[in-house]
């Protein structure tokens, strides 16, 4: 599982993600998903956590859940950023001309 960049450290979220990674490594997939869901409930405005959930569900072949979390991450990101059509960067923070 990857950990995408967030704004500022949050020890609770970091701990939950670390525990989720450990659970995943121990093949405790449902526990890992549950831990990431807990983190996402604690930081509902963090699209990175939602993308981590999408990735976890996709790796478990639950593509419907993965798609829901991808959509939710996009909505969360766009809801917290200015109109991307007026931005000088794309959603990945890469400058555009």
N, C-alpha and C. Protein backbone atom coordinates (compact mmCIF):
# COMPACT_ATOMS: atom_id res chain seq x y z
N UNK A 1 0.84 -1.18 0.00
CA UNK A 1 0.00 0.00 0.00
C UNK A 1 0.88 1.23 0.00
N UNK A 2 0.51 2.17 -0.78
CA UNK A 2 1.31 3.38 -0.78
C UNK A 2 0.66 4.42 0.12
N UNK A 3 1.43 5.38 0.52
CA UNK A 3 0.91 6.46 1.34
C UNK A 3 1.13 7.74 0.57
N UNK A 4 0.05 8.35 0.14
CA UNK A 4 0.15 9.58 -0.64
C UNK A 4 0.38 10.76 0.29
N UNK A 5 0.89 11.82 -0.25
CA UNK A 5 1.24 13.00 0.52
C UNK A 5 0.00 13.69 1.08
N UNK A 6 0.11 14.15 2.31
CA UNK A 6 -0.95 14.90 2.98
C UNK A 6 -0.40 16.24 3.42
N UNK A 7 -1.31 17.11 3.82
CA UNK A 7 -0.90 18.39 4.39
C UNK A 7 -0.66 18.21 5.87
N UNK A 8 0.57 18.27 6.29
CA UNK A 8 0.91 18.22 7.70
C UNK A 8 0.79 16.83 8.30
N UNK A 9 1.66 16.52 9.24
CA UNK A 9 1.62 15.22 9.89
C UNK A 9 0.47 15.11 10.89
N UNK A 10 -0.07 13.94 11.01
CA UNK A 10 -1.09 13.63 11.99
C UNK A 10 -0.69 12.28 12.59
N UNK A 11 -0.21 12.26 13.82
CA UNK A 11 0.29 11.01 14.42
C UNK A 11 -0.75 9.90 14.44
N UNK A 12 -2.00 10.23 14.67
CA UNK A 12 -3.04 9.20 14.71
C UNK A 12 -3.22 8.57 13.34
N UNK A 13 -3.29 9.40 12.32
CA UNK A 13 -3.45 8.89 10.96
C UNK A 13 -2.22 8.08 10.56
N UNK A 14 -1.04 8.58 10.89
CA UNK A 14 0.19 7.85 10.58
C UNK A 14 0.18 6.47 11.24
N UNK A 15 -0.24 6.41 12.50
CA UNK A 15 -0.29 5.13 13.22
C UNK A 15 -1.28 4.18 12.57
N UNK A 16 -2.48 4.68 12.24
CA UNK A 16 -3.48 3.83 11.60
C UNK A 16 -3.00 3.30 10.25
N UNK A 17 -2.34 4.15 9.48
CA UNK A 17 -1.81 3.69 8.20
C UNK A 17 -0.69 2.67 8.37
N UNK A 18 0.14 2.89 9.37
CA UNK A 18 1.22 1.93 9.65
C UNK A 18 0.62 0.58 10.06
N UNK A 19 -0.39 0.61 10.93
CA UNK A 19 -1.05 -0.62 11.36
C UNK A 19 -1.76 -1.30 10.18
N UNK A 20 -2.35 -0.50 9.30
CA UNK A 20 -3.01 -1.07 8.12
C UNK A 20 -1.99 -1.76 7.22
N UNK A 21 -0.83 -1.15 7.04
CA UNK A 21 0.22 -1.77 6.22
C UNK A 21 0.70 -3.08 6.84
N UNK A 22 0.85 -3.08 8.16
CA UNK A 22 1.26 -4.31 8.85
C UNK A 22 0.20 -5.39 8.69
N UNK A 23 -1.06 -5.02 8.83
CA UNK A 23 -2.14 -6.00 8.67
C UNK A 23 -2.12 -6.56 7.25
N UNK A 24 -1.92 -5.70 6.28
CA UNK A 24 -1.88 -6.13 4.87
C UNK A 24 -0.73 -7.11 4.64
N UNK A 25 0.43 -6.79 5.21
CA UNK A 25 1.59 -7.68 5.07
C UNK A 25 1.33 -9.04 5.71
N UNK A 26 0.50 -9.07 6.74
CA UNK A 26 0.15 -10.32 7.43
C UNK A 26 -1.08 -10.99 6.83
N UNK A 27 -1.49 -10.51 5.65
CA UNK A 27 -2.63 -11.05 4.91
C UNK A 27 -3.96 -10.85 5.64
N UNK A 28 -4.00 -9.89 6.55
CA UNK A 28 -5.24 -9.54 7.26
C UNK A 28 -5.88 -8.36 6.53
N UNK A 29 -6.41 -8.65 5.34
CA UNK A 29 -6.87 -7.60 4.44
C UNK A 29 -8.05 -6.82 5.01
N UNK A 30 -9.01 -7.52 5.58
CA UNK A 30 -10.18 -6.80 6.10
C UNK A 30 -9.80 -5.88 7.26
N UNK A 31 -8.88 -6.33 8.08
CA UNK A 31 -8.39 -5.49 9.18
C UNK A 31 -7.69 -4.25 8.61
N UNK A 32 -6.88 -4.44 7.57
CA UNK A 32 -6.20 -3.30 6.95
C UNK A 32 -7.18 -2.30 6.40
N UNK A 33 -8.21 -2.79 5.71
CA UNK A 33 -9.23 -1.90 5.16
C UNK A 33 -9.95 -1.16 6.28
N UNK A 34 -10.28 -1.89 7.34
CA UNK A 34 -10.97 -1.26 8.47
C UNK A 34 -10.13 -0.13 9.07
N UNK A 35 -8.83 -0.34 9.19
CA UNK A 35 -7.95 0.69 9.77
C UNK A 35 -7.87 1.92 8.87
N UNK A 36 -7.81 1.71 7.56
CA UNK A 36 -7.79 2.86 6.65
C UNK A 36 -9.13 3.59 6.69
N UNK A 37 -10.22 2.84 6.81
CA UNK A 37 -11.54 3.48 6.93
C UNK A 37 -11.61 4.33 8.19
N UNK A 38 -11.05 3.83 9.29
CA UNK A 38 -11.01 4.63 10.52
C UNK A 38 -10.23 5.92 10.30
N UNK A 39 -9.10 5.81 9.64
CA UNK A 39 -8.30 7.01 9.35
C UNK A 39 -9.09 7.99 8.49
N UNK A 40 -9.79 7.48 7.49
CA UNK A 40 -10.57 8.34 6.60
C UNK A 40 -11.71 9.02 7.35
N UNK A 41 -12.29 8.35 8.32
CA UNK A 41 -13.35 9.00 9.13
C UNK A 41 -12.77 10.09 10.01
N UNK A 42 -11.53 9.94 10.44
CA UNK A 42 -10.89 10.96 11.28
C UNK A 42 -10.46 12.17 10.46
N UNK A 43 -10.15 11.96 9.18
CA UNK A 43 -9.75 13.04 8.28
C UNK A 43 -10.58 12.95 7.00
N UNK A 44 -11.86 13.31 7.09
CA UNK A 44 -12.74 13.14 5.92
C UNK A 44 -12.37 14.01 4.72
N UNK A 45 -11.59 15.03 4.93
CA UNK A 45 -11.18 15.90 3.83
C UNK A 45 -9.88 15.49 3.17
N UNK A 46 -9.38 14.32 3.49
CA UNK A 46 -8.09 13.86 2.99
C UNK A 46 -8.31 12.88 1.83
N UNK A 47 -8.20 13.35 0.59
CA UNK A 47 -8.43 12.46 -0.55
C UNK A 47 -7.40 11.33 -0.66
N UNK A 48 -6.22 11.52 -0.10
CA UNK A 48 -5.20 10.47 -0.16
C UNK A 48 -5.65 9.21 0.57
N UNK A 49 -6.30 9.39 1.70
CA UNK A 49 -6.81 8.23 2.44
C UNK A 49 -7.89 7.52 1.64
N UNK A 50 -8.71 8.29 0.95
CA UNK A 50 -9.76 7.68 0.13
C UNK A 50 -9.15 6.92 -1.04
N UNK A 51 -8.08 7.44 -1.61
CA UNK A 51 -7.39 6.73 -2.69
C UNK A 51 -6.72 5.47 -2.16
N UNK A 52 -6.19 5.52 -0.94
CA UNK A 52 -5.62 4.32 -0.34
C UNK A 52 -6.70 3.25 -0.16
N UNK A 53 -7.90 3.68 0.24
CA UNK A 53 -9.02 2.74 0.36
C UNK A 53 -9.39 2.16 -1.00
N UNK A 54 -9.42 2.99 -2.01
CA UNK A 54 -9.74 2.51 -3.36
C UNK A 54 -8.72 1.46 -3.79
N UNK A 55 -7.46 1.73 -3.52
CA UNK A 55 -6.42 0.78 -3.88
C UNK A 55 -6.61 -0.54 -3.13
N UNK A 56 -6.90 -0.46 -1.84
CA UNK A 56 -7.09 -1.67 -1.04
C UNK A 56 -8.26 -2.49 -1.56
N UNK A 57 -9.37 -1.83 -1.84
CA UNK A 57 -10.53 -2.56 -2.36
C UNK A 57 -10.24 -3.15 -3.73
N UNK A 58 -9.53 -2.44 -4.58
CA UNK A 58 -9.20 -2.96 -5.90
C UNK A 58 -8.31 -4.20 -5.78
N UNK A 59 -7.39 -4.18 -4.84
CA UNK A 59 -6.51 -5.33 -4.65
C UNK A 59 -7.28 -6.54 -4.12
N UNK A 60 -8.46 -6.30 -3.55
CA UNK A 60 -9.31 -7.39 -3.08
C UNK A 60 -10.41 -7.71 -4.11
N UNK A 61 -10.28 -7.13 -5.29
CA UNK A 61 -11.20 -7.36 -6.42
C UNK A 61 -12.61 -6.84 -6.16
N UNK A 62 -12.75 -5.89 -5.25
CA UNK A 62 -14.04 -5.24 -5.02
C UNK A 62 -13.99 -3.92 -5.79
N UNK A 63 -14.20 -4.03 -7.10
CA UNK A 63 -14.03 -2.87 -7.96
C UNK A 63 -15.13 -1.84 -7.79
N UNK A 64 -16.32 -2.27 -7.38
CA UNK A 64 -17.41 -1.32 -7.14
C UNK A 64 -17.04 -0.40 -5.97
N UNK A 65 -16.52 -0.98 -4.89
CA UNK A 65 -16.11 -0.17 -3.74
C UNK A 65 -14.93 0.72 -4.12
N UNK A 66 -13.99 0.18 -4.88
CA UNK A 66 -12.84 0.97 -5.31
C UNK A 66 -13.29 2.18 -6.11
N UNK A 67 -14.24 1.97 -7.01
CA UNK A 67 -14.74 3.07 -7.82
C UNK A 67 -15.43 4.13 -6.97
N UNK A 68 -16.20 3.70 -5.99
CA UNK A 68 -16.87 4.66 -5.09
C UNK A 68 -15.85 5.54 -4.37
N UNK A 69 -14.76 4.92 -3.90
CA UNK A 69 -13.76 5.70 -3.17
C UNK A 69 -12.96 6.61 -4.10
N UNK A 70 -12.74 6.18 -5.33
CA UNK A 70 -12.07 7.06 -6.29
C UNK A 70 -12.93 8.28 -6.56
N UNK A 71 -14.23 8.06 -6.77
CA UNK A 71 -15.14 9.18 -7.01
C UNK A 71 -15.19 10.11 -5.80
N UNK A 72 -15.26 9.52 -4.62
CA UNK A 72 -15.31 10.33 -3.40
C UNK A 72 -14.02 11.13 -3.22
N UNK A 73 -12.88 10.53 -3.55
CA UNK A 73 -11.60 11.24 -3.46
C UNK A 73 -11.58 12.43 -4.41
N UNK A 74 -12.08 12.22 -5.63
CA UNK A 74 -12.14 13.31 -6.60
C UNK A 74 -13.03 14.43 -6.13
N UNK A 75 -14.19 14.07 -5.59
CA UNK A 75 -15.11 15.09 -5.08
C UNK A 75 -14.50 15.85 -3.92
N UNK A 76 -13.82 15.12 -3.04
CA UNK A 76 -13.17 15.75 -1.88
C UNK A 76 -12.08 16.70 -2.34
N UNK A 77 -11.27 16.24 -3.28
CA UNK A 77 -10.19 17.09 -3.79
C UNK A 77 -10.74 18.34 -4.45
N UNK A 78 -11.70 18.15 -5.34
CA UNK A 78 -12.24 19.31 -6.06
C UNK A 78 -13.01 20.24 -5.14
N UNK A 79 -13.61 19.71 -4.10
CA UNK A 79 -14.34 20.54 -3.16
C UNK A 79 -13.44 21.41 -2.31
N UNK A 80 -12.17 21.02 -2.20
CA UNK A 80 -11.24 21.78 -1.36
C UNK A 80 -10.24 22.60 -2.16
N UNK A 81 -10.39 22.61 -3.48
CA UNK A 81 -9.46 23.35 -4.34
C UNK A 81 -10.24 24.26 -5.28
N UNK A 82 -9.60 25.30 -5.73
CA UNK A 82 -10.27 26.19 -6.68
C UNK A 82 -10.57 25.46 -7.98
N UNK A 83 -11.33 26.07 -8.81
CA UNK A 83 -11.70 25.51 -10.10
C UNK A 83 -10.44 25.06 -10.85
N UNK A 84 -10.30 23.73 -11.10
CA UNK A 84 -9.06 23.26 -11.73
C UNK A 84 -8.86 23.81 -13.14
N UNK A 85 -9.92 24.25 -13.80
CA UNK A 85 -9.77 24.81 -15.14
C UNK A 85 -9.04 26.15 -15.10
N UNK A 86 -9.06 26.82 -13.95
CA UNK A 86 -8.40 28.11 -13.80
C UNK A 86 -7.02 27.97 -13.15
N UNK A 87 -6.69 26.77 -12.74
CA UNK A 87 -5.44 26.52 -12.05
C UNK A 87 -4.28 26.43 -13.03
N UNK A 88 -3.09 26.74 -12.55
CA UNK A 88 -1.88 26.61 -13.37
C UNK A 88 -1.23 25.24 -13.13
N UNK A 89 -1.87 24.37 -12.31
CA UNK A 89 -1.37 23.02 -12.10
C UNK A 89 -2.53 22.05 -12.31
N UNK A 90 -2.20 20.81 -12.60
CA UNK A 90 -3.23 19.79 -12.70
C UNK A 90 -3.47 19.16 -11.33
N UNK A 91 -4.32 18.14 -11.25
CA UNK A 91 -4.66 17.55 -9.96
C UNK A 91 -3.47 16.90 -9.27
N UNK A 92 -2.39 16.64 -10.02
CA UNK A 92 -1.20 16.04 -9.43
C UNK A 92 -0.19 17.09 -8.99
N UNK A 93 -0.54 18.37 -9.12
CA UNK A 93 0.35 19.44 -8.70
C UNK A 93 1.42 19.75 -9.73
N UNK A 94 1.28 19.21 -10.93
CA UNK A 94 2.26 19.45 -11.98
C UNK A 94 1.87 20.71 -12.75
N UNK A 95 2.83 21.59 -12.93
CA UNK A 95 2.56 22.83 -13.65
C UNK A 95 2.17 22.59 -15.09
N UNK A 96 1.21 23.37 -15.56
CA UNK A 96 0.78 23.28 -16.95
C UNK A 96 0.88 24.65 -17.58
N UNK A 97 0.97 24.68 -18.89
CA UNK A 97 1.09 25.96 -19.59
C UNK A 97 -0.22 26.31 -20.24
